[in-house]
Amino acid sequence: MRQPAVYIVASKRNGTLYTGVTSNLPRRIWEHREGLLPGFTKKYGCKLLVWYEIYQDMPNAIAREKQIKGGSRKDKLALIEGMNPDWRDLYEDLA
């Protein structure tokens, strides 16, 4: 089942952040956690799912991802703190 989502993974609380978009959030976060995706997240150890939003369609999810990526770090931290003030790894909530 495809369910578009925008997400932020972090290396640790207030650590390095990565914003992405996917049609299968549990699978994508598992790939980040296992280090299966070469590139930024693997290099900087971004494995903790700290924020996400679910969308009805991919075009809206992509637009939101671009909006978030275009914003400041302060804006990203505010999103995370608003949904997940303890910076829990939300991956377990997806099961």
C-alpha atoms as a PDB file:
ATOM      1  CA  MET A   1       0.000   0.000   0.000  1.00  0.00           C
ATOM      2  CA  ARG A   2       1.386   3.356  -0.986  1.00  0.00           C
ATOM      3  CA  GLN A   3       1.037   6.229   1.462  1.00  0.00           C
ATOM      4  CA  PRO A   4       3.025   9.373   0.590  1.00  0.00           C
ATOM      5  CA  ALA A   5       4.853  10.921   3.525  1.00  0.00           C
ATOM      6  CA  VAL A   6       7.386  13.624   4.297  1.00  0.00           C
ATOM      7  CA  TYR A   7       9.802  12.853   7.103  1.00  0.00           C
ATOM      8  CA  ILE A   8      12.793  14.106   9.050  1.00  0.00           C
ATOM      9  CA  VAL A   9      15.481  11.767  10.351  1.00  0.00           C
ATOM     10  CA  ALA A  10      18.184  12.878  12.773  1.00  0.00           C
ATOM     11  CA  SER A  11      21.548  11.595  13.946  1.00  0.00           C
ATOM     12  CA  LYS A  12      20.653  12.483  17.562  1.00  0.00           C
ATOM     13  CA  ARG A  13      18.724  15.134  19.472  1.00  0.00           C
ATOM     14  CA  ASN A  14      19.596  18.499  17.894  1.00  0.00           C
ATOM     15  CA  GLY A  15      21.990  16.648  15.580  1.00  0.00           C
ATOM     16  CA  THR A  16      22.226  16.460  11.814  1.00  0.00           C
ATOM     17  CA  LEU A  17      18.817  16.502  10.083  1.00  0.00           C
ATOM     18  CA  TYR A  18      17.655  15.089   6.774  1.00  0.00           C
ATOM     19  CA  THR A  19      14.265  15.759   5.177  1.00  0.00           C
ATOM     20  CA  GLY A  20      12.876  13.298   2.654  1.00  0.00           C
ATOM     21  CA  VAL A  21       9.739  12.107   0.894  1.00  0.00           C
ATOM     22  CA  THR A  22       8.597   8.539   0.253  1.00  0.00           C
ATOM     23  CA  SER A  23       5.593   6.451  -0.718  1.00  0.00           C
ATOM     24  CA  ASN A  24       6.403   3.818   1.937  1.00  0.00           C
ATOM     25  CA  LEU A  25       7.529   5.375   5.225  1.00  0.00           C
ATOM     26  CA  PRO A  26       8.184   2.188   7.246  1.00  0.00           C
ATOM     27  CA  ARG A  27      10.345   0.706   4.471  1.00  0.00           C
ATOM     28  CA  ARG A  28      12.277   3.928   3.876  1.00  0.00           C
ATOM     29  CA  ILE A  29      13.051   4.477   7.547  1.00  0.00           C
ATOM     30  CA  TRP A  30      14.154   0.846   7.864  1.00  0.00           C
ATOM     31  CA  GLU A  31      16.532   1.459   4.929  1.00  0.00           C
ATOM     32  CA  HIS A  32      17.970   4.523   6.712  1.00  0.00           C
ATOM     33  CA  ARG A  33      18.342   2.592   9.975  1.00  0.00           C
ATOM     34  CA  GLU A  34      20.124  -0.298   8.275  1.00  0.00           C
ATOM     35  CA  GLY A  35      22.455   2.014   6.332  1.00  0.00           C
ATOM     36  CA  LEU A  36      21.185   0.694   2.987  1.00  0.00           C
ATOM     37  CA  LEU A  37      20.867   4.112   1.361  1.00  0.00           C
ATOM     38  CA  PRO A  38      24.217   5.539   0.312  1.00  0.00           C
ATOM     39  CA  GLY A  39      24.700   9.262   0.659  1.00  0.00           C
ATOM     40  CA  PHE A  40      23.978  11.946   3.226  1.00  0.00           C
ATOM     41  CA  THR A  41      22.011   9.956   5.800  1.00  0.00           C
ATOM     42  CA  LYS A  42      24.504   7.102   5.861  1.00  0.00           C
ATOM     43  CA  LYS A  43      27.483   9.471   6.044  1.00  0.00           C
ATOM     44  CA  TYR A  44      26.025  11.464   8.949  1.00  0.00           C
ATOM     45  CA  GLY A  45      24.241   8.625  10.777  1.00  0.00           C
ATOM     46  CA  CYS A  46      20.711   9.976  10.391  1.00  0.00           C
ATOM     47  CA  LYS A  47      18.706   6.980  11.603  1.00  0.00           C
ATOM     48  CA  LEU A  48      16.144   8.364  14.056  1.00  0.00           C
ATOM     49  CA  LEU A  49      12.684   9.177  12.702  1.00  0.00           C
ATOM     50  CA  VAL A  50      11.840  12.341  14.628  1.00  0.00           C
ATOM     51  CA  TRP A  51       9.006  13.853  12.533  1.00  0.00           C
ATOM     52  CA  TYR A  52       6.650  12.938   9.693  1.00  0.00           C
ATOM     53  CA  GLU A  53       3.439  13.941   7.928  1.00  0.00           C
ATOM     54  CA  ILE A  54       1.212  11.657   5.847  1.00  0.00           C
ATOM     55  CA  TYR A  55      -0.331  12.864   2.554  1.00  0.00           C
ATOM     56  CA  GLN A  56      -3.089  11.680   0.254  1.00  0.00           C
ATOM     57  CA  ASP A  57      -0.993  12.159  -2.894  1.00  0.00           C
ATOM     58  CA  MET A  58       2.650  12.411  -3.876  1.00  0.00           C
ATOM     59  CA  PRO A  59       2.520  15.878  -5.532  1.00  0.00           C
ATOM     60  CA  ASN A  60       1.418  17.458  -2.232  1.00  0.00           C
ATOM     61  CA  ALA A  61       4.032  15.482  -0.311  1.00  0.00           C
ATOM     62  CA  ILE A  62       6.771  16.622  -2.699  1.00  0.00           C
ATOM     63  CA  ALA A  63       5.621  20.242  -2.435  1.00  0.00           C
ATOM     64  CA  ARG A  64       5.775  20.023   1.368  1.00  0.00           C
ATOM     65  CA  GLU A  65       9.238  18.417   1.261  1.00  0.00           C
ATOM     66  CA  LYS A  66      10.500  21.295  -0.900  1.00  0.00           C
ATOM     67  CA  GLN A  67       8.937  23.825   1.477  1.00  0.00           C
ATOM     68  CA  ILE A  68      10.636  22.229   4.487  1.00  0.00           C
ATOM     69  CA  LYS A  69      14.002  21.852   2.727  1.00  0.00           C
ATOM     70  CA  GLY A  70      13.804  25.517   1.729  1.00  0.00           C
ATOM     71  CA  GLY A  71      13.223  26.567   5.321  1.00  0.00           C
ATOM     72  CA  SER A  72      15.727  27.200   8.057  1.00  0.00           C
ATOM     73  CA  ARG A  73      17.086  24.745  10.593  1.00  0.00           C
ATOM     74  CA  LYS A  74      15.121  26.699  13.197  1.00  0.00           C
ATOM     75  CA  ASP A  75      11.899  25.940  11.278  1.00  0.00           C
ATOM     76  CA  LYS A  76      12.758  22.222  11.129  1.00  0.00           C
ATOM     77  CA  LEU A  77      13.514  22.130  14.855  1.00  0.00           C
ATOM     78  CA  ALA A  78      10.144  23.797  15.539  1.00  0.00           C
ATOM     79  CA  LEU A  79       8.358  21.100  13.497  1.00  0.00           C
ATOM     80  CA  ILE A  80      10.130  18.360  15.438  1.00  0.00           C
ATOM     81  CA  GLU A  81       9.582  19.974  18.833  1.00  0.00           C
ATOM     82  CA  GLY A  82       5.889  20.524  18.025  1.00  0.00           C
ATOM     83  CA  MET A  83       5.233  16.860  17.216  1.00  0.00           C
ATOM     84  CA  ASN A  84       7.946  15.129  19.203  1.00  0.00           C
ATOM     85  CA  PRO A  85       9.367  17.309  22.010  1.00  0.00           C
ATOM     86  CA  ASP A  86      11.263  14.356  23.527  1.00  0.00           C
ATOM     87  CA  TRP A  87      12.896  13.479  20.182  1.00  0.00           C
ATOM     88  CA  ARG A  88      11.690   9.888  20.480  1.00  0.00           C
ATOM     89  CA  ASP A  89      12.467   7.567  17.593  1.00  0.00           C
ATOM     90  CA  LEU A  90       9.003   7.351  15.997  1.00  0.00           C
ATOM     91  CA  TYR A  91       9.886   4.313  13.893  1.00  0.00           C
ATOM     92  CA  GLU A  92       8.361   1.917  16.422  1.00  0.00           C
ATOM     93  CA  ASP A  93       5.041   3.806  16.164  1.00  0.00           C
ATOM     94  CA  LEU A  94       4.779   2.877  12.471  1.00  0.00           C
ATOM     95  CA  ALA A  95       4.433  -0.871  13.090  1.00  0.00           C
END
